[in-house]
N, C-alpha and C. Protein backbone atom coordinates (compact mmCIF):
# COMPACT_ATOMS: atom_id res chain seq x y z
N UNK A 1 51.66 -19.67 20.18
CA UNK A 1 51.34 -21.33 20.73
C UNK A 1 52.91 -21.67 20.85
N UNK A 2 53.55 -22.19 21.54
CA UNK A 2 54.54 -22.77 22.17
C UNK A 2 54.41 -24.84 22.94
N UNK A 3 54.66 -25.74 21.85
CA UNK A 3 53.86 -27.08 22.19
C UNK A 3 55.96 -27.48 22.71
N UNK A 4 55.66 -28.08 23.58
CA UNK A 4 57.39 -28.91 23.28
C UNK A 4 56.74 -30.56 22.38
N UNK A 5 58.03 -30.80 21.54
CA UNK A 5 57.91 -31.90 20.37
C UNK A 5 58.25 -33.18 21.24
N UNK A 6 57.89 -33.21 22.46
CA UNK A 6 57.21 -34.36 23.46
C UNK A 6 56.36 -34.39 23.95
N UNK A 7 55.20 -33.46 23.44
CA UNK A 7 54.02 -33.43 23.93
C UNK A 7 53.21 -33.89 22.02
N UNK A 8 53.85 -33.67 21.27
CA UNK A 8 52.79 -33.70 20.40
C UNK A 8 54.06 -33.79 18.89
N UNK A 9 52.95 -34.90 18.68
CA UNK A 9 54.12 -36.20 17.47
C UNK A 9 53.79 -35.06 15.99
N UNK A 10 54.74 -35.41 15.35
CA UNK A 10 54.93 -34.47 13.41
C UNK A 10 52.93 -35.18 13.34
N UNK A 11 53.20 -36.03 13.49
CA UNK A 11 51.39 -36.36 12.37
C UNK A 11 50.31 -35.45 13.62
N UNK A 12 50.60 -35.66 14.30
CA UNK A 12 49.54 -34.66 15.43
C UNK A 12 49.71 -33.07 15.60
N UNK A 13 50.67 -32.73 15.01
CA UNK A 13 51.04 -31.60 14.73
C UNK A 13 50.55 -31.03 13.79
N UNK A 14 50.38 -31.70 12.32
CA UNK A 14 50.19 -30.90 11.14
C UNK A 14 48.22 -31.19 11.11
N UNK A 15 47.67 -31.86 12.05
CA UNK A 15 46.45 -31.52 11.95
C UNK A 15 46.48 -30.65 13.43
N UNK A 16 46.21 -30.46 13.68
CA UNK A 16 46.56 -29.45 15.31
C UNK A 16 46.96 -27.97 14.28
N UNK A 17 48.11 -27.72 13.50
CA UNK A 17 48.70 -26.67 12.68
C UNK A 17 46.20 -26.46 11.26
N UNK A 18 46.47 -27.26 11.23
CA UNK A 18 45.14 -27.54 9.99
C UNK A 18 44.40 -26.64 11.44
N UNK A 19 43.43 -27.81 12.57
CA UNK A 19 42.19 -26.87 12.67
C UNK A 19 42.75 -24.95 13.07
N UNK A 20 44.50 -25.03 14.16
CA UNK A 20 44.29 -23.74 14.33
C UNK A 20 43.87 -23.01 13.51
N UNK A 21 44.47 -22.83 11.75
CA UNK A 21 44.46 -22.37 10.53
C UNK A 21 43.32 -21.97 10.10
N UNK A 22 42.36 -23.21 10.47
CA UNK A 22 40.73 -22.83 9.64
C UNK A 22 40.14 -21.89 10.68
N UNK A 23 40.35 -21.89 12.41
CA UNK A 23 39.71 -21.41 13.67
C UNK A 23 40.63 -20.13 13.11
N UNK A 24 41.87 -19.64 12.96
CA UNK A 24 41.97 -18.46 12.44
C UNK A 24 41.29 -17.50 11.93
N UNK A 25 41.24 -18.27 10.47
CA UNK A 25 39.86 -18.22 9.52
C UNK A 25 38.96 -17.85 9.63
N UNK A 26 38.11 -18.53 10.72
CA UNK A 26 36.85 -17.74 10.71
C UNK A 26 36.27 -17.02 11.71
N UNK A 27 37.66 -16.64 12.45
CA UNK A 27 37.68 -15.42 13.68
C UNK A 27 37.88 -15.00 12.12
N UNK A 28 39.12 -14.38 11.79
CA UNK A 28 39.01 -13.02 10.61
C UNK A 28 38.23 -12.55 10.17
N UNK A 29 37.70 -13.80 9.37
CA UNK A 29 36.02 -13.42 8.39
C UNK A 29 34.47 -13.81 9.56
N UNK A 30 35.00 -13.84 11.17
CA UNK A 30 33.56 -13.33 11.93
C UNK A 30 32.89 -14.69 11.41
N UNK A 31 33.17 -15.49 10.99
CA UNK A 31 31.74 -16.50 10.81
C UNK A 31 31.87 -17.36 12.33
N UNK A 32 31.17 -18.29 12.07
CA UNK A 32 31.07 -19.30 13.50
C UNK A 32 32.39 -20.84 13.40
N UNK A 33 32.56 -20.67 14.47
CA UNK A 33 34.07 -21.78 14.82
C UNK A 33 33.20 -22.95 14.73
N UNK A 34 33.69 -23.58 13.21
CA UNK A 34 33.83 -25.34 13.21
C UNK A 34 34.67 -25.80 12.68
N UNK A 35 35.19 -26.75 13.81
CA UNK A 35 36.15 -27.24 13.14
C UNK A 35 36.08 -29.05 12.89
N UNK A 36 34.56 -29.54 12.21
CA UNK A 36 34.14 -30.31 11.86
C UNK A 36 33.67 -31.76 12.85
N UNK A 37 33.53 -32.80 12.64
CA UNK A 37 33.71 -34.03 13.15
C UNK A 37 34.89 -34.45 14.16
N UNK A 38 34.28 -34.89 15.11
CA UNK A 38 35.50 -35.98 15.50
C UNK A 38 36.00 -37.00 15.02
N UNK A 39 37.27 -37.65 14.44
CA UNK A 39 37.70 -38.20 13.96
C UNK A 39 37.38 -39.26 14.95
N UNK A 40 38.00 -40.52 14.08
CA UNK A 40 38.13 -42.02 15.22
C UNK A 40 39.81 -41.53 16.55
N UNK A 41 39.72 -42.20 17.24
CA UNK A 41 40.83 -41.54 18.06
C UNK A 41 41.44 -42.60 18.20
N UNK A 42 42.49 -42.70 18.70
CA UNK A 42 43.94 -43.37 18.57
C UNK A 42 43.38 -45.18 18.89
N UNK A 43 43.39 -44.69 20.35
CA UNK A 43 42.37 -45.89 20.83
C UNK A 43 41.20 -47.18 20.99
N UNK A 44 40.25 -46.26 20.08
CA UNK A 44 39.56 -46.72 19.27
C UNK A 44 39.62 -47.78 18.04
N UNK A 45 40.82 -47.04 17.05
CA UNK A 45 42.06 -47.80 16.06
C UNK A 45 42.95 -48.76 16.19
N UNK A 46 43.05 -48.53 17.70
CA UNK A 46 44.11 -49.64 18.03
C UNK A 46 43.28 -50.58 18.37
N UNK A 47 42.30 -50.66 19.47
CA UNK A 47 40.84 -51.55 19.50
C UNK A 47 40.08 -52.77 18.90
N UNK A 48 40.04 -52.05 17.73
CA UNK A 48 39.36 -52.64 16.28
C UNK A 48 40.68 -53.31 15.00
N UNK A 49 41.93 -52.33 15.31
CA UNK A 49 42.75 -53.80 14.90
C UNK A 49 43.46 -54.56 15.31
N UNK A 50 43.23 -54.28 16.49
CA UNK A 50 43.65 -55.84 17.63
C UNK A 50 42.55 -56.36 17.06
N UNK A 51 41.07 -56.05 17.57
CA UNK A 51 40.17 -57.79 17.06
C UNK A 51 40.53 -58.03 15.55
N UNK A 52 40.50 -56.78 14.57
CA UNK A 52 40.93 -57.21 13.20
C UNK A 52 41.59 -58.78 12.98
N UNK A 53 42.93 -58.34 14.09
CA UNK A 53 44.53 -59.38 14.42
C UNK A 53 43.58 -60.69 14.80
N UNK A 54 43.01 -60.64 15.67
CA UNK A 54 42.08 -61.98 16.37
C UNK A 54 41.19 -62.74 15.55
N UNK A 55 41.26 -61.80 14.26
CA UNK A 55 39.30 -62.40 13.86
C UNK A 55 40.12 -63.91 13.14
N UNK A 56 38.69 -64.82 12.68
CA UNK A 56 38.86 -65.88 12.35
C UNK A 56 39.33 -65.41 10.49
N UNK A 57 39.46 -64.53 9.86
CA UNK A 57 39.57 -64.38 8.96
C UNK A 57 41.37 -64.29 9.00
N UNK A 58 41.86 -63.97 9.58
CA UNK A 58 43.42 -63.48 9.97
C UNK A 58 44.21 -64.99 10.19
N UNK A 59 43.51 -65.03 11.50
CA UNK A 59 43.39 -67.01 11.40
C UNK A 59 43.56 -68.07 10.43
N UNK A 60 43.20 -67.48 9.70
CA UNK A 60 42.80 -68.88 8.55
C UNK A 60 43.90 -68.27 7.28
N UNK A 61 44.73 -67.09 7.93
CA UNK A 61 45.52 -66.85 6.53
C UNK A 61 47.10 -67.26 7.08
N UNK A 62 47.45 -67.55 8.54
CA UNK A 62 48.29 -68.08 9.46
C UNK A 62 49.45 -69.10 8.48
N UNK A 63 47.93 -69.79 8.26
CA UNK A 63 49.03 -71.19 7.81
C UNK A 63 49.69 -70.62 6.47
N UNK A 64 48.95 -70.06 5.52
CA UNK A 64 49.85 -69.83 3.95
C UNK A 64 50.72 -68.86 4.70
N UNK A 65 50.99 -68.15 5.51
CA UNK A 65 52.49 -67.21 6.02
C UNK A 65 52.90 -67.91 6.65
N UNK A 66 53.20 -68.78 7.17
CA UNK A 66 53.74 -69.67 7.86
C UNK A 66 54.72 -70.50 6.99
N UNK A 67 54.15 -70.92 5.58
CA UNK A 67 54.54 -72.15 4.94
C UNK A 67 55.92 -71.13 4.02
N UNK A 68 55.60 -69.68 3.75
CA UNK A 68 56.10 -68.96 2.82
C UNK A 68 57.85 -69.68 3.15
N UNK A 69 58.73 -69.78 1.74
CA UNK A 69 59.94 -69.70 2.22
C UNK A 69 61.15 -68.94 2.95
N UNK A 70 61.05 -68.25 3.94
CA UNK A 70 60.64 -67.26 4.20
C UNK A 70 63.10 -67.72 4.40
N UNK A 71 63.44 -68.76 4.97
CA UNK A 71 64.90 -69.01 4.22
C UNK A 71 65.58 -68.69 3.20
N UNK A 72 64.80 -68.69 1.88
CA UNK A 72 65.00 -68.09 0.96
C UNK A 72 65.18 -67.19 0.55
N UNK A 73 65.28 -66.19 1.14
CA UNK A 73 65.21 -64.56 1.07
C UNK A 73 66.11 -63.87 0.51
N UNK A 74 66.33 -63.06 0.02
CA UNK A 74 67.61 -62.92 -0.50
C UNK A 74 67.65 -61.50 -0.26
N UNK A 75 68.90 -61.31 -0.27
CA UNK A 75 69.35 -59.94 -0.48
C UNK A 75 68.70 -58.80 -1.01
N UNK A 76 68.51 -57.70 -0.73
CA UNK A 76 68.70 -56.33 -1.98
C UNK A 76 69.53 -55.62 -2.75
N UNK A 77 69.99 -55.23 -3.71
CA UNK A 77 71.17 -54.99 -4.46
C UNK A 77 71.24 -53.68 -3.28
N UNK A 78 72.50 -53.64 -3.51
CA UNK A 78 73.28 -52.29 -2.15
C UNK A 78 73.36 -51.06 -4.08
N UNK A 79 72.91 -49.60 -3.29
CA UNK A 79 73.55 -48.79 -4.17
C UNK A 79 74.45 -48.35 -4.50
N UNK A 80 75.40 -48.37 -4.00
CA UNK A 80 77.07 -48.61 -3.50
C UNK A 80 77.95 -49.28 -3.60
N UNK A 81 78.82 -49.75 -4.38
CA UNK A 81 79.66 -51.04 -3.68
C UNK A 81 79.88 -51.20 -2.62
N UNK A 82 80.90 -49.66 -2.29
CA UNK A 82 81.58 -48.90 -1.13
C UNK A 82 80.29 -49.84 0.01
N UNK A 83 79.08 -49.68 0.29
CA UNK A 83 78.49 -50.19 0.58
C UNK A 83 77.95 -48.38 1.79
N UNK A 84 78.16 -47.67 1.08
CA UNK A 84 77.59 -46.27 1.62
C UNK A 84 76.12 -46.17 1.01
N UNK A 85 75.18 -45.97 1.86
CA UNK A 85 73.94 -46.25 1.17
C UNK A 85 73.66 -44.11 2.22
N UNK A 86 72.90 -43.79 1.30
CA UNK A 86 72.20 -42.56 1.64
C UNK A 86 71.16 -42.22 2.43
N UNK A 87 70.26 -43.77 2.00
CA UNK A 87 68.79 -43.54 2.75
C UNK A 87 68.78 -44.06 3.81
N UNK A 88 68.96 -45.38 4.57
CA UNK A 88 69.06 -45.94 4.94
C UNK A 88 70.19 -47.67 4.76
N UNK A 89 70.41 -48.78 6.11
CA UNK A 89 71.05 -49.64 5.96
C UNK A 89 70.11 -50.55 6.51
N UNK A 90 70.42 -51.50 6.24
CA UNK A 90 70.32 -52.84 6.94
C UNK A 90 70.55 -54.14 6.35
N UNK A 91 70.35 -55.64 7.13
CA UNK A 91 69.94 -56.72 6.34
C UNK A 91 68.64 -57.20 5.85
N UNK A 92 67.65 -56.47 6.25
CA UNK A 92 66.45 -56.99 6.16
C UNK A 92 65.36 -56.17 5.49
N UNK A 93 64.35 -55.80 5.12
CA UNK A 93 63.29 -54.93 4.90
C UNK A 93 62.26 -56.05 4.39
């Protein structure tokens, strides 16, 4: 099977490979092919997340987060004094 990396992302690729492995094992052992129940689609998850973000519970938390002393955030220490970072660089995380 060949799939271009623009057609499938890394997370989906692992799920697809897992399903293909399960199907292959069922075929070689002559068992009925069962891939399990369908999981939540991304669009459904995104809609639920948006509804949650617009919920009264989250709106009630807005004041708390707006009152945080964001201007007092300090930089995290760097690993190496010369500025070389083996992982990631940035001003704020």
